[in-house]
Amino acid sequence: MKNNYYTVGLVFLTFFVISFLTNIMGPLIPDIINSFKLSLGMAGFLPFSFFAAYGVMSTSAGVLIEKYNEKIVMIFSFLLAAFGSLLFGLFPVYNMALLSLFLIGIGMASLQVAINPLLRVSGGEKHFAFNSVMAQLFFGLASFLSPLAYSYLVINIKHDGNNSSRFLETLSKLVPENLNWVSLYWIFAITALAMAVIILFFKFPKFELDETEKTGSWAVYKDLVKDKTVILFFFGTFAYVGTEQGIANWMSKFLSDYHGYDPQTIGAEVVAYFWGLLTAGCLLGLLLLKFFDSRNVLKVFTIGAIVCLTFALFGTAEMALYAFPLSGFALSVLWSVIFSLALNSLESNHGAFSGILCTGIVGGAVMSLIIGKLGDLIGLRYAMTLLYFALGYILWLSFWAKPLINNATIDLKKVKENQ
């Protein structure tokens, strides 16, 4: 039992590291554009390279886990992420950035598939909901801290030998002048390598997945993709991640281009608060789901996201500073509600269905790329209006969904009668 507590802690740490490596793209994009003299379209290929890996690995990783085990897949994933990070740290050019992000993305996608069933078994089924929320809090904390770490490094690394610590002095020797942001990839490489070593010496509990949670064979996936419900909810996760990453990846560049805010300071802070409020909103969402039908919660929060996006894109500079982070708050419950509605709409093959839903994370690749390409043609502001179509689809899904099992809610009338 004690080892299981340690396993839960390891899963929380893994969630933290995944988020730290994943959600830094937004603050980096303005620097990458300036450093490599890129168009918006070329910059859009950066998140595309990363999130395209989810389309490749979300189902494949499940098959690999069944063939080998969680430990082997997790070690391989972190080693691959470390190699990808080191590759760009040593050769900081645009083409290498694309390859690096794709390799890191493959590692992160595989990890996401591996750790969710591990969390359920190690923490106990009865505590899975609570532990899942805790995991999201760790995920959100890292998303909040990574832009601040970026801001600290780009401002404080000096190339004249006047660094305030040996750590910064070492990083200054590893990165080219005027490319201080590349130091993050050295941090990523060290972090991922350390996680691989920790997992190597960690003793995992033995467990068996329920039949409904197993990923199943390729034949199961072929049957599922013929189901209308599966396809519509796949596009639901596609639309959500596309919206989340479309805002997170481009908001700093938007604030710089349209309102003149420094992406290394103000832009990074806004991205940090976007992720911070997205995390905080999860807690409110959990409370609301105890009292209201999840479809109604999805409707309200989606409309809220549309309103926030409108103020962010077409409001004043001050409005944009607040509306972008608040859009994170509005988006906070969308992923979990869409995911739960999807699984509750199918009687079996939940493990394979989860893999298909996670493949929808590729929406983060497609939407960010299209926004970049459109931004070169019509400007970033109007390119980001593409996100209205994604949010509109989610809103439609909230009306269309007819789950076999509704979320459990507290009946206040019965509570009063029993008092």
Protein backbone atom coordinates (compact mmCIF):
# COMPACT_ATOMS: atom_id res chain seq x y z
CA MET A 1 0.00 0.00 0.00
CA LYS A 2 2.87 2.35 0.86
CA ASN A 3 4.44 1.73 -2.54
CA ASN A 4 1.11 2.62 -4.12
CA TYR A 5 1.21 6.06 -2.49
CA TYR A 6 4.66 6.54 -3.98
CA THR A 7 3.27 5.46 -7.36
CA VAL A 8 0.50 8.07 -7.14
CA GLY A 9 3.19 10.63 -6.32
CA LEU A 10 5.19 9.53 -9.36
CA VAL A 11 2.14 9.94 -11.59
CA PHE A 12 1.56 13.46 -10.20
CA LEU A 13 5.20 14.30 -10.90
CA THR A 14 4.86 12.92 -14.43
CA PHE A 15 1.80 15.09 -15.06
CA PHE A 16 3.81 18.10 -13.85
CA VAL A 17 6.72 17.37 -16.19
CA ILE A 18 4.44 16.67 -19.19
CA SER A 19 2.79 20.03 -18.73
CA PHE A 20 6.09 21.85 -18.16
CA LEU A 21 7.39 20.58 -21.49
CA THR A 22 4.10 20.84 -23.40
CA ASN A 23 2.59 24.24 -22.65
CA ILE A 24 5.60 26.50 -23.17
CA MET A 25 5.02 26.98 -26.90
CA GLY A 26 2.91 30.15 -26.58
CA PRO A 27 5.57 32.31 -24.90
CA LEU A 28 8.28 30.93 -27.20
CA ILE A 29 6.59 31.64 -30.55
CA PRO A 30 7.34 35.42 -30.69
CA ASP A 31 11.01 34.74 -29.87
CA ILE A 32 11.23 31.90 -32.40
CA ILE A 33 9.68 34.12 -35.09
CA ASN A 34 12.17 36.92 -34.38
CA SER A 35 15.20 34.61 -34.01
CA PHE A 36 14.64 32.64 -37.22
CA LYS A 37 12.85 35.39 -39.21
CA LEU A 38 9.73 33.27 -39.74
CA SER A 39 6.33 34.04 -41.16
CA LEU A 40 3.29 33.22 -39.04
CA GLY A 41 2.64 30.22 -41.27
CA MET A 42 6.13 28.81 -40.73
CA ALA A 43 5.78 29.42 -36.98
CA GLY A 44 2.50 27.48 -37.09
CA PHE A 45 4.43 24.36 -38.07
CA LEU A 46 6.08 24.34 -34.61
CA PRO A 47 2.96 23.42 -32.59
CA PHE A 48 1.88 21.30 -35.57
CA SER A 49 5.06 19.20 -35.26
CA PHE A 50 4.43 18.69 -31.56
CA PHE A 51 0.73 17.88 -31.58
CA ALA A 52 0.86 15.82 -34.76
CA ALA A 53 2.76 13.31 -32.63
CA TYR A 54 -0.42 12.79 -30.59
CA GLY A 55 -2.21 11.71 -33.75
CA VAL A 56 0.54 9.18 -34.38
CA MET A 57 0.97 7.81 -30.86
CA SER A 58 -2.28 8.07 -28.89
CA THR A 59 -3.57 4.73 -30.13
CA SER A 60 -0.18 3.17 -30.91
CA ALA A 61 1.05 3.77 -27.35
CA GLY A 62 -1.84 1.74 -25.94
CA VAL A 63 -0.84 -1.22 -28.11
CA LEU A 64 2.80 -0.85 -27.00
CA ILE A 65 1.79 -0.78 -23.33
CA GLU A 66 -0.15 -4.03 -23.70
CA LYS A 67 2.78 -5.66 -25.51
CA TYR A 68 5.41 -4.47 -23.02
CA ASN A 69 4.38 -2.53 -19.87
CA GLU A 70 3.92 0.96 -18.46
CA LYS A 71 7.42 1.19 -17.02
CA ILE A 72 9.23 0.41 -20.27
CA VAL A 73 7.02 2.78 -22.29
CA MET A 74 7.49 5.60 -19.75
CA ILE A 75 11.28 5.23 -19.69
CA PHE A 76 11.40 5.17 -23.49
CA SER A 77 9.12 8.24 -23.64
CA PHE A 78 11.29 10.34 -21.34
CA LEU A 79 14.50 9.25 -23.08
CA LEU A 80 13.00 10.23 -26.42
CA ALA A 81 11.93 13.62 -25.00
CA ALA A 82 15.43 14.14 -23.55
CA PHE A 83 17.02 13.27 -26.91
CA GLY A 84 14.68 15.63 -28.78
CA SER A 85 15.39 18.48 -26.34
CA LEU A 86 19.14 17.91 -26.47
CA LEU A 87 19.05 17.82 -30.26
CA PHE A 88 17.65 21.35 -30.45
CA GLY A 89 19.84 22.58 -27.59
CA LEU A 90 22.92 21.55 -29.57
CA PHE A 91 21.64 22.62 -33.00
CA PRO A 92 19.23 25.57 -32.52
CA VAL A 93 17.92 26.01 -36.06
CA TYR A 94 14.35 25.99 -37.39
CA ASN A 95 14.38 22.56 -39.06
CA MET A 96 15.86 20.96 -35.97
CA ALA A 97 13.14 22.62 -33.87
CA LEU A 98 10.49 20.81 -35.92
CA LEU A 99 12.17 17.42 -35.45
CA SER A 100 12.80 18.12 -31.77
CA LEU A 101 9.19 19.02 -31.08
CA PHE A 102 7.92 15.95 -32.93
CA LEU A 103 10.16 13.65 -30.84
CA ILE A 104 9.13 15.37 -27.59
CA GLY A 105 5.49 15.11 -28.68
CA ILE A 106 5.76 11.36 -29.26
CA GLY A 107 7.17 10.98 -25.75
CA MET A 108 4.47 13.11 -24.12
CA ALA A 109 1.64 11.37 -26.01
CA SER A 110 2.89 7.95 -24.91
CA LEU A 111 3.15 9.12 -21.31
CA GLN A 112 -0.42 10.43 -21.25
CA VAL A 113 -1.72 7.04 -22.39
CA ALA A 114 0.39 5.17 -19.82
CA ILE A 115 -0.23 7.12 -16.62
CA ASN A 116 -4.04 7.35 -16.46
CA PRO A 117 -4.70 3.62 -15.85
CA LEU A 118 -1.66 3.57 -13.56
CA LEU A 119 -3.22 6.32 -11.46
CA ARG A 120 -6.54 4.44 -11.23
CA VAL A 121 -4.94 1.24 -9.97
CA SER A 122 -2.25 2.69 -7.69
CA GLY A 123 -4.60 5.15 -5.99
CA GLY A 124 -7.66 2.89 -5.94
CA GLU A 125 -10.81 3.12 -8.04
CA LYS A 126 -12.75 4.88 -5.25
CA HIS A 127 -10.19 7.68 -5.15
CA PHE A 128 -9.68 7.93 -8.90
CA ALA A 129 -11.86 11.03 -9.37
CA PHE A 130 -10.08 12.89 -6.56
CA ASN A 131 -6.64 11.82 -7.75
CA SER A 132 -7.50 12.83 -11.32
CA VAL A 133 -8.33 16.34 -10.11
CA MET A 134 -5.09 16.46 -8.12
CA ALA A 135 -3.20 15.37 -11.24
CA GLN A 136 -4.81 18.21 -13.21
CA LEU A 137 -3.76 20.64 -10.49
CA PHE A 138 -0.14 19.50 -10.86
CA PHE A 139 -0.56 19.79 -14.64
CA GLY A 140 -1.93 23.30 -14.28
CA LEU A 141 0.76 24.38 -11.81
CA ALA A 142 3.49 23.44 -14.29
CA SER A 143 1.65 25.26 -17.10
CA PHE A 144 1.60 28.36 -14.88
CA LEU A 145 5.27 28.09 -13.89
CA SER A 146 6.86 27.26 -17.27
CA PRO A 147 6.19 30.70 -18.89
CA LEU A 148 7.56 32.37 -15.74
CA ALA A 149 10.69 30.16 -15.93
CA TYR A 150 11.09 31.19 -19.58
CA SER A 151 10.78 34.86 -18.67
CA TYR A 152 13.36 34.48 -15.87
CA LEU A 153 15.91 32.77 -18.11
CA VAL A 154 15.68 35.11 -21.12
CA ILE A 155 16.01 38.17 -18.89
CA ASN A 156 18.72 36.96 -16.50
CA ILE A 157 21.16 34.97 -18.67
CA LYS A 158 24.10 37.26 -19.47
CA HIS A 159 26.82 36.59 -22.02
CA ASP A 160 29.40 38.96 -20.50
CA GLY A 161 30.24 36.71 -17.53
CA ASN A 162 28.16 38.74 -15.05
CA ASN A 163 25.59 36.07 -14.24
CA SER A 164 24.17 35.96 -10.72
CA SER A 165 24.68 32.19 -10.26
CA ARG A 166 26.78 29.31 -11.53
CA PHE A 167 23.61 27.78 -12.98
CA LEU A 168 22.95 30.83 -15.20
CA GLU A 169 26.63 31.07 -16.10
CA THR A 170 26.61 27.45 -17.30
CA LEU A 171 23.50 28.04 -19.41
CA SER A 172 25.06 31.18 -20.93
CA LYS A 173 27.89 29.00 -22.29
CA LEU A 174 25.46 26.47 -23.77
CA VAL A 175 23.22 28.86 -25.73
CA PRO A 176 24.10 31.33 -28.49
CA GLU A 177 23.93 35.03 -27.77
CA ASN A 178 20.45 36.47 -28.49
CA LEU A 179 18.98 32.96 -28.19
CA ASN A 180 18.58 32.79 -24.43
CA TRP A 181 15.21 31.06 -24.83
CA VAL A 182 17.05 27.96 -26.14
CA SER A 183 18.21 27.41 -22.53
CA LEU A 184 14.75 25.99 -21.82
CA TYR A 185 15.54 23.01 -24.02
CA TRP A 186 18.59 22.22 -21.90
CA ILE A 187 16.32 22.34 -18.85
CA PHE A 188 13.87 20.04 -20.65
CA ALA A 189 16.64 17.57 -21.52
CA ILE A 190 17.94 17.39 -17.95
CA THR A 191 14.41 17.08 -16.51
CA ALA A 192 13.35 14.31 -18.92
CA LEU A 193 16.59 12.39 -18.35
CA ALA A 194 16.16 12.65 -14.58
CA MET A 195 12.59 11.30 -14.87
CA ALA A 196 13.83 8.34 -16.94
CA VAL A 197 16.35 7.50 -14.22
CA ILE A 198 13.74 7.83 -11.44
CA ILE A 199 11.33 5.49 -13.27
CA LEU A 200 14.13 3.01 -14.03
CA PHE A 201 14.73 2.43 -10.31
CA PHE A 202 11.05 2.67 -9.31
CA LYS A 203 9.17 -0.52 -8.46
CA PHE A 204 5.77 -0.46 -10.12
CA PRO A 205 2.77 -2.30 -8.60
CA LYS A 206 1.42 -5.31 -10.46
CA PHE A 207 -2.11 -4.84 -11.77
CA GLU A 208 -4.57 -5.89 -14.44
CA LEU A 209 -6.86 -3.56 -16.36
CA ASP A 210 -10.59 -4.18 -16.55
CA GLU A 211 -11.78 -5.44 -19.93
CA THR A 212 -13.54 -2.14 -20.65
CA GLU A 213 -10.30 -0.21 -19.98
CA LYS A 214 -8.01 -2.27 -22.19
CA THR A 215 -7.02 -0.61 -25.42
CA GLY A 216 -7.84 -3.71 -27.45
CA SER A 217 -6.72 -4.82 -30.90
CA TRP A 218 -6.66 -2.82 -34.12
CA ALA A 219 -9.91 -4.57 -35.09
CA VAL A 220 -11.66 -2.88 -32.15
CA TYR A 221 -10.52 0.53 -33.39
CA LYS A 222 -11.77 -0.23 -36.90
CA ASP A 223 -15.22 -1.05 -35.51
CA LEU A 224 -15.30 2.06 -33.33
CA VAL A 225 -14.48 4.53 -36.10
CA LYS A 226 -17.62 3.38 -37.91
CA ASP A 227 -19.73 4.61 -34.97
CA LYS A 228 -21.26 8.08 -35.42
CA THR A 229 -21.00 8.82 -31.68
CA VAL A 230 -17.28 8.03 -31.67
CA ILE A 231 -16.62 10.29 -34.66
CA LEU A 232 -18.61 13.24 -33.32
CA PHE A 233 -16.92 13.13 -29.92
CA PHE A 234 -13.51 12.71 -31.58
CA PHE A 235 -14.14 16.04 -33.29
CA GLY A 236 -15.24 17.38 -29.91
CA THR A 237 -11.79 16.75 -28.40
CA PHE A 238 -10.24 17.95 -31.68
CA ALA A 239 -12.17 21.24 -31.42
CA TYR A 240 -11.36 21.71 -27.73
CA VAL A 241 -7.60 21.18 -28.00
CA GLY A 242 -7.54 23.22 -31.19
CA THR A 243 -9.17 26.11 -29.31
CA GLU A 244 -7.00 25.75 -26.20
CA GLN A 245 -3.74 25.65 -28.16
CA GLY A 246 -4.91 28.20 -30.72
CA ILE A 247 -5.33 30.72 -27.91
CA ALA A 248 -2.34 29.66 -25.82
CA ASN A 249 0.10 29.57 -28.76
CA TRP A 250 -0.87 32.84 -30.39
CA MET A 251 -1.98 35.17 -27.57
CA SER A 252 1.53 36.43 -26.78
CA LYS A 253 2.20 37.18 -30.45
CA PHE A 254 -1.24 38.85 -30.71
CA LEU A 255 -0.54 41.09 -27.71
CA SER A 256 2.83 42.02 -29.17
CA ASP A 257 1.57 42.77 -32.69
CA TYR A 258 -1.65 44.62 -31.85
CA HIS A 259 -0.94 46.21 -28.47
CA GLY A 260 2.85 46.40 -28.25
CA TYR A 261 3.28 44.28 -25.11
CA ASP A 262 6.71 42.71 -24.55
CA PRO A 263 6.33 38.93 -25.16
CA GLN A 264 9.24 38.12 -22.82
CA THR A 265 7.53 39.75 -19.82
CA ILE A 266 3.86 40.74 -20.21
CA GLY A 267 3.16 38.13 -22.87
CA ALA A 268 4.68 35.35 -20.78
CA GLU A 269 2.72 36.46 -17.71
CA VAL A 270 -0.58 36.48 -19.60
CA VAL A 271 0.08 32.95 -20.86
CA ALA A 272 0.93 31.87 -17.31
CA TYR A 273 -2.33 33.28 -15.97
CA PHE A 274 -4.25 31.66 -18.83
CA TRP A 275 -3.06 28.26 -17.60
CA GLY A 276 -3.45 29.24 -13.96
CA LEU A 277 -7.10 30.24 -14.42
CA LEU A 278 -7.75 27.17 -16.55
CA THR A 279 -6.62 25.10 -13.57
CA ALA A 280 -8.65 27.12 -11.07
CA GLY A 281 -11.74 26.76 -13.24
CA CYS A 282 -11.48 22.98 -12.99
CA LEU A 283 -12.27 23.23 -9.27
CA LEU A 284 -15.37 25.34 -9.86
CA GLY A 285 -16.40 22.96 -12.63
CA LEU A 286 -16.22 19.98 -10.27
CA LEU A 287 -18.53 21.76 -7.85
CA LEU A 288 -21.01 22.72 -10.58
CA LEU A 289 -21.12 19.15 -11.87
CA LYS A 290 -22.42 18.06 -8.46
CA PHE A 291 -25.51 20.22 -8.97
CA PHE A 292 -26.09 20.56 -12.72
CA ASP A 293 -26.28 18.32 -15.78
CA SER A 294 -22.87 18.23 -17.44
CA ARG A 295 -24.39 19.25 -20.78
CA ASN A 296 -25.70 22.48 -19.26
CA VAL A 297 -22.32 23.17 -17.67
CA LEU A 298 -20.72 22.63 -21.07
CA LYS A 299 -23.14 25.08 -22.69
CA VAL A 300 -22.52 27.86 -20.15
CA PHE A 301 -18.73 27.55 -20.16
CA THR A 302 -18.56 27.36 -23.96
CA ILE A 303 -20.63 30.54 -24.30
CA GLY A 304 -18.33 32.14 -21.71
CA ALA A 305 -15.31 31.17 -23.82
CA ILE A 306 -16.88 32.75 -26.90
CA VAL A 307 -17.52 36.00 -25.01
CA CYS A 308 -13.96 36.11 -23.61
CA LEU A 309 -12.45 35.42 -27.02
CA THR A 310 -14.46 38.29 -28.50
CA PHE A 311 -13.21 40.79 -25.90
CA ALA A 312 -9.66 39.49 -26.33
CA LEU A 313 -9.63 39.86 -30.11
CA PHE A 314 -11.69 43.01 -30.58
CA GLY A 315 -11.48 44.84 -27.26
CA THR A 316 -8.95 47.38 -26.03
CA ALA A 317 -5.40 46.50 -25.00
CA GLU A 318 -6.42 46.35 -21.33
CA MET A 319 -9.43 44.18 -22.15
CA ALA A 320 -7.18 41.74 -24.02
CA LEU A 321 -4.86 41.45 -21.02
CA TYR A 322 -7.76 40.19 -18.90
CA ALA A 323 -9.88 38.45 -21.53
CA PHE A 324 -7.16 36.04 -22.70
CA PRO A 325 -6.55 34.61 -19.20
CA LEU A 326 -10.30 34.55 -18.50
CA SER A 327 -10.80 32.50 -21.66
CA GLY A 328 -8.65 29.87 -19.93
CA PHE A 329 -11.09 29.90 -17.02
CA ALA A 330 -14.00 29.44 -19.44
CA LEU A 331 -12.26 26.56 -21.21
CA SER A 332 -11.39 24.80 -17.96
CA VAL A 333 -14.18 22.20 -17.80
CA LEU A 334 -14.64 21.59 -21.52
CA TRP A 335 -12.12 18.75 -21.89
CA SER A 336 -13.31 16.74 -18.88
CA VAL A 337 -17.01 17.20 -19.70
CA ILE A 338 -16.58 16.26 -23.38
CA PHE A 339 -14.50 13.24 -22.37
CA SER A 340 -16.96 12.03 -19.74
CA LEU A 341 -19.98 12.59 -22.00
CA ALA A 342 -18.22 10.58 -24.69
CA LEU A 343 -17.40 7.59 -22.48
CA ASN A 344 -20.89 7.66 -20.95
CA SER A 345 -22.36 7.50 -24.46
CA LEU A 346 -20.79 4.12 -25.25
CA GLU A 347 -21.51 0.82 -23.50
CA SER A 348 -18.10 -0.84 -23.99
CA ASN A 349 -14.54 -0.53 -25.34
CA HIS A 350 -13.85 2.53 -23.19
CA GLY A 351 -10.09 1.99 -23.31
CA ALA A 352 -9.97 1.99 -27.10
CA PHE A 353 -12.45 4.87 -27.24
CA SER A 354 -10.22 6.87 -24.88
CA GLY A 355 -7.32 6.32 -27.27
CA ILE A 356 -9.39 7.65 -30.17
CA LEU A 357 -10.49 10.66 -28.12
CA CYS A 358 -6.87 11.39 -27.19
CA THR A 359 -5.98 11.24 -30.87
CA GLY A 360 -8.22 14.31 -31.15
CA ILE A 361 -5.40 16.20 -29.42
CA VAL A 362 -4.02 16.52 -32.95
CA GLY A 363 -6.48 19.42 -33.18
CA GLY A 364 -3.83 21.47 -31.40
CA ALA A 365 -1.56 20.88 -34.39
CA VAL A 366 -4.08 21.57 -37.12
CA MET A 367 -5.73 24.68 -35.65
CA SER A 368 -2.44 26.38 -34.70
CA LEU A 369 -1.05 25.75 -38.18
CA ILE A 370 -4.16 27.05 -39.97
CA ILE A 371 -4.21 30.17 -37.77
CA GLY A 372 -0.57 30.84 -38.66
CA LYS A 373 -1.18 30.37 -42.39
CA LEU A 374 -4.30 32.56 -42.32
CA GLY A 375 -2.46 35.13 -40.22
CA ASP A 376 -0.04 35.73 -43.08
CA LEU A 377 -2.97 36.39 -45.42
CA ILE A 378 -5.54 38.30 -43.37
CA GLY A 379 -3.77 39.17 -40.11
CA LEU A 380 -3.59 37.28 -36.82
CA ARG A 381 -6.73 38.88 -35.34
CA TYR A 382 -9.03 37.63 -38.09
CA ALA A 383 -7.17 34.34 -38.37
CA MET A 384 -7.97 33.63 -34.71
CA THR A 385 -11.70 34.02 -35.45
CA LEU A 386 -11.38 30.46 -36.78
CA LEU A 387 -11.70 29.46 -33.12
CA TYR A 388 -15.36 30.52 -33.19
CA PHE A 389 -16.08 27.55 -35.47
CA ALA A 390 -14.44 25.15 -33.00
CA LEU A 391 -16.33 26.62 -30.05
CA GLY A 392 -19.54 26.61 -32.07
CA TYR A 393 -19.10 22.89 -32.72
CA ILE A 394 -18.62 22.21 -29.00
CA LEU A 395 -21.75 24.23 -28.24
CA TRP A 396 -23.69 22.16 -30.78
CA LEU A 397 -22.29 18.98 -29.24
CA SER A 398 -23.64 20.03 -25.83
CA PHE A 399 -27.16 20.05 -27.30
CA TRP A 400 -26.72 16.88 -29.38
CA ALA A 401 -25.17 14.62 -26.69
CA LYS A 402 -27.48 11.98 -25.23
CA PRO A 403 -25.34 9.96 -22.79
CA LEU A 404 -26.47 6.53 -21.58
CA ILE A 405 -25.47 7.58 -18.06
CA ASN A 406 -25.93 11.15 -16.77
CA ASN A 407 -23.54 12.65 -14.23
CA ALA A 408 -24.65 12.17 -10.61
CA THR A 409 -26.01 15.39 -9.10
CA ILE A 410 -27.20 16.41 -5.65
CA ASP A 411 -30.95 16.98 -5.44
CA LEU A 412 -31.25 20.00 -3.13
CA LYS A 413 -34.99 19.40 -2.59
CA LYS A 414 -34.31 15.91 -1.24
CA VAL A 415 -31.49 17.24 0.92
CA LYS A 416 -33.87 19.77 2.51
CA GLU A 417 -36.56 17.10 3.01
CA ASN A 418 -34.09 14.84 4.82
CA GLN A 419 -32.92 17.57 7.15
